[in-house]
Amino acid sequence: MSVTISLPDEILSGDARNLPRKILEQVALDGFKSGQLTTSQVRRILGFETRMQVHEFLAAHGIPWVDYSVEDAARERELLNKVLS
């Protein structure tokens, strides 16, 4: 699907060539932060070839890409204790 956005000319002054990419990146960032987009969807939207590129992109924008809860850590700690016992 294509989306067309109309912006006032004064916003387009300067380096408008990068504006479509910046808007696309912002949509991807907002979608990922809100949980509406997955890592895979962000990869496809931005044309990245690998998940690592998405992780680097998210990290560069201060967004953690790992969903790792306190409960996850507790489960792993329990498993590790069982393995080491």
C-alpha atoms as a PDB file:
ATOM      1  CA  MET A   1       0.000   0.000   0.000  1.00  0.00           C
ATOM      2  CA  SER A   2       1.218   3.475  -0.788  1.00  0.00           C
ATOM      3  CA  VAL A   3       0.506   6.480   1.390  1.00  0.00           C
ATOM      4  CA  THR A   4       0.718  10.050   0.152  1.00  0.00           C
ATOM      5  CA  ILE A   5       1.369  12.888   2.587  1.00  0.00           C
ATOM      6  CA  SER A   6       0.973  16.563   1.741  1.00  0.00           C
ATOM      7  CA  LEU A   7       3.274  18.931   3.593  1.00  0.00           C
ATOM      8  CA  PRO A   8       3.579  22.708   3.441  1.00  0.00           C
ATOM      9  CA  ASP A   9       6.413  23.928   1.199  1.00  0.00           C
ATOM     10  CA  GLU A  10       8.224  25.648   4.097  1.00  0.00           C
ATOM     11  CA  ILE A  11       8.701  22.258   5.764  1.00  0.00           C
ATOM     12  CA  LEU A  12      10.321  20.956   2.616  1.00  0.00           C
ATOM     13  CA  SER A  13      12.998  23.638   2.504  1.00  0.00           C
ATOM     14  CA  GLY A  14      16.515  22.347   2.995  1.00  0.00           C
ATOM     15  CA  ASP A  15      17.361  18.742   2.317  1.00  0.00           C
ATOM     16  CA  ALA A  16      13.920  17.358   1.481  1.00  0.00           C
ATOM     17  CA  ARG A  17      15.415  14.344  -0.281  1.00  0.00           C
ATOM     18  CA  ASN A  18      15.847  12.542   3.059  1.00  0.00           C
ATOM     19  CA  LEU A  19      12.401  13.461   4.341  1.00  0.00           C
ATOM     20  CA  PRO A  20      10.545  10.383   3.007  1.00  0.00           C
ATOM     21  CA  ARG A  21      13.109   8.073   4.633  1.00  0.00           C
ATOM     22  CA  LYS A  22      12.976   9.986   7.913  1.00  0.00           C
ATOM     23  CA  ILE A  23       9.184   9.743   7.969  1.00  0.00           C
ATOM     24  CA  LEU A  24       9.331   6.033   7.193  1.00  0.00           C
ATOM     25  CA  GLU A  25      11.872   5.478   9.970  1.00  0.00           C
ATOM     26  CA  GLN A  26       9.721   7.395  12.434  1.00  0.00           C
ATOM     27  CA  VAL A  27       6.676   5.325  11.518  1.00  0.00           C
ATOM     28  CA  ALA A  28       8.718   2.153  12.034  1.00  0.00           C
ATOM     29  CA  LEU A  29      10.070   3.376  15.385  1.00  0.00           C
ATOM     30  CA  ASP A  30       6.658   4.413  16.662  1.00  0.00           C
ATOM     31  CA  GLY A  31       5.084   1.188  15.456  1.00  0.00           C
ATOM     32  CA  PHE A  32       7.735  -0.933  17.139  1.00  0.00           C
ATOM     33  CA  LYS A  33       7.581   1.021  20.419  1.00  0.00           C
ATOM     34  CA  SER A  34       3.785   0.682  20.543  1.00  0.00           C
ATOM     35  CA  GLY A  35       3.930  -3.035  19.812  1.00  0.00           C
ATOM     36  CA  GLN A  36       2.072  -2.668  16.517  1.00  0.00           C
ATOM     37  CA  LEU A  37       5.117  -3.735  14.489  1.00  0.00           C
ATOM     38  CA  THR A  38       7.425  -6.680  14.984  1.00  0.00           C
ATOM     39  CA  THR A  39      11.152  -6.722  14.317  1.00  0.00           C
ATOM     40  CA  SER A  40      10.456  -8.574  11.085  1.00  0.00           C
ATOM     41  CA  GLN A  41       7.935  -5.969   9.950  1.00  0.00           C
ATOM     42  CA  VAL A  42      10.371  -3.140  10.734  1.00  0.00           C
ATOM     43  CA  ARG A  43      13.019  -4.976   8.706  1.00  0.00           C
ATOM     44  CA  ARG A  44      10.741  -5.206   5.675  1.00  0.00           C
ATOM     45  CA  ILE A  45       9.447  -1.629   5.972  1.00  0.00           C
ATOM     46  CA  LEU A  46      12.953  -0.181   6.092  1.00  0.00           C
ATOM     47  CA  GLY A  47      14.434  -2.599   3.566  1.00  0.00           C
ATOM     48  CA  PHE A  48      16.986  -4.128   5.912  1.00  0.00           C
ATOM     49  CA  GLU A  49      18.374  -7.512   4.935  1.00  0.00           C
ATOM     50  CA  THR A  50      19.020  -8.826   8.438  1.00  0.00           C
ATOM     51  CA  ARG A  51      17.580  -8.672  11.944  1.00  0.00           C
ATOM     52  CA  MET A  52      20.913  -7.339  13.160  1.00  0.00           C
ATOM     53  CA  GLN A  53      20.424  -4.228  11.024  1.00  0.00           C
ATOM     54  CA  VAL A  54      17.057  -3.694  12.722  1.00  0.00           C
ATOM     55  CA  HIS A  55      18.621  -4.196  16.155  1.00  0.00           C
ATOM     56  CA  GLU A  56      21.352  -1.670  15.324  1.00  0.00           C
ATOM     57  CA  PHE A  57      18.749   0.794  14.002  1.00  0.00           C
ATOM     58  CA  LEU A  58      16.619   0.465  17.136  1.00  0.00           C
ATOM     59  CA  ALA A  59      19.666   0.750  19.417  1.00  0.00           C
ATOM     60  CA  ALA A  60      20.793   3.897  17.567  1.00  0.00           C
ATOM     61  CA  HIS A  61      17.427   5.402  18.459  1.00  0.00           C
ATOM     62  CA  GLY A  62      17.586   4.307  22.094  1.00  0.00           C
ATOM     63  CA  ILE A  63      14.929   1.610  21.749  1.00  0.00           C
ATOM     64  CA  PRO A  64      15.595  -1.744  23.384  1.00  0.00           C
ATOM     65  CA  TRP A  65      14.718  -4.535  20.997  1.00  0.00           C
ATOM     66  CA  VAL A  66      14.761  -7.331  23.520  1.00  0.00           C
ATOM     67  CA  ASP A  67      11.584  -8.166  25.386  1.00  0.00           C
ATOM     68  CA  TYR A  68      13.106  -9.542  28.547  1.00  0.00           C
ATOM     69  CA  SER A  69      11.031  -9.307  31.687  1.00  0.00           C
ATOM     70  CA  VAL A  70      11.816  -9.917  35.329  1.00  0.00           C
ATOM     71  CA  GLU A  71       9.791 -13.117  35.007  1.00  0.00           C
ATOM     72  CA  ASP A  72      12.018 -14.250  32.129  1.00  0.00           C
ATOM     73  CA  ALA A  73      15.099 -13.679  34.267  1.00  0.00           C
ATOM     74  CA  ALA A  74      13.584 -15.614  37.169  1.00  0.00           C
ATOM     75  CA  ARG A  75      12.777 -18.596  34.912  1.00  0.00           C
ATOM     76  CA  GLU A  76      16.298 -18.597  33.523  1.00  0.00           C
ATOM     77  CA  ARG A  77      17.781 -18.373  37.017  1.00  0.00           C
ATOM     78  CA  GLU A  78      15.699 -21.372  38.109  1.00  0.00           C
ATOM     79  CA  LEU A  79      16.772 -23.357  35.061  1.00  0.00           C
ATOM     80  CA  LEU A  80      20.410 -22.471  35.589  1.00  0.00           C
ATOM     81  CA  ASN A  81      20.207 -23.529  39.250  1.00  0.00           C
ATOM     82  CA  LYS A  82      18.722 -26.902  38.193  1.00  0.00           C
ATOM     83  CA  VAL A  83      21.422 -27.443  35.592  1.00  0.00           C
ATOM     84  CA  LEU A  84      24.225 -26.564  38.009  1.00  0.00           C
ATOM     85  CA  SER A  85      22.843 -28.684  40.878  1.00  0.00           C
END
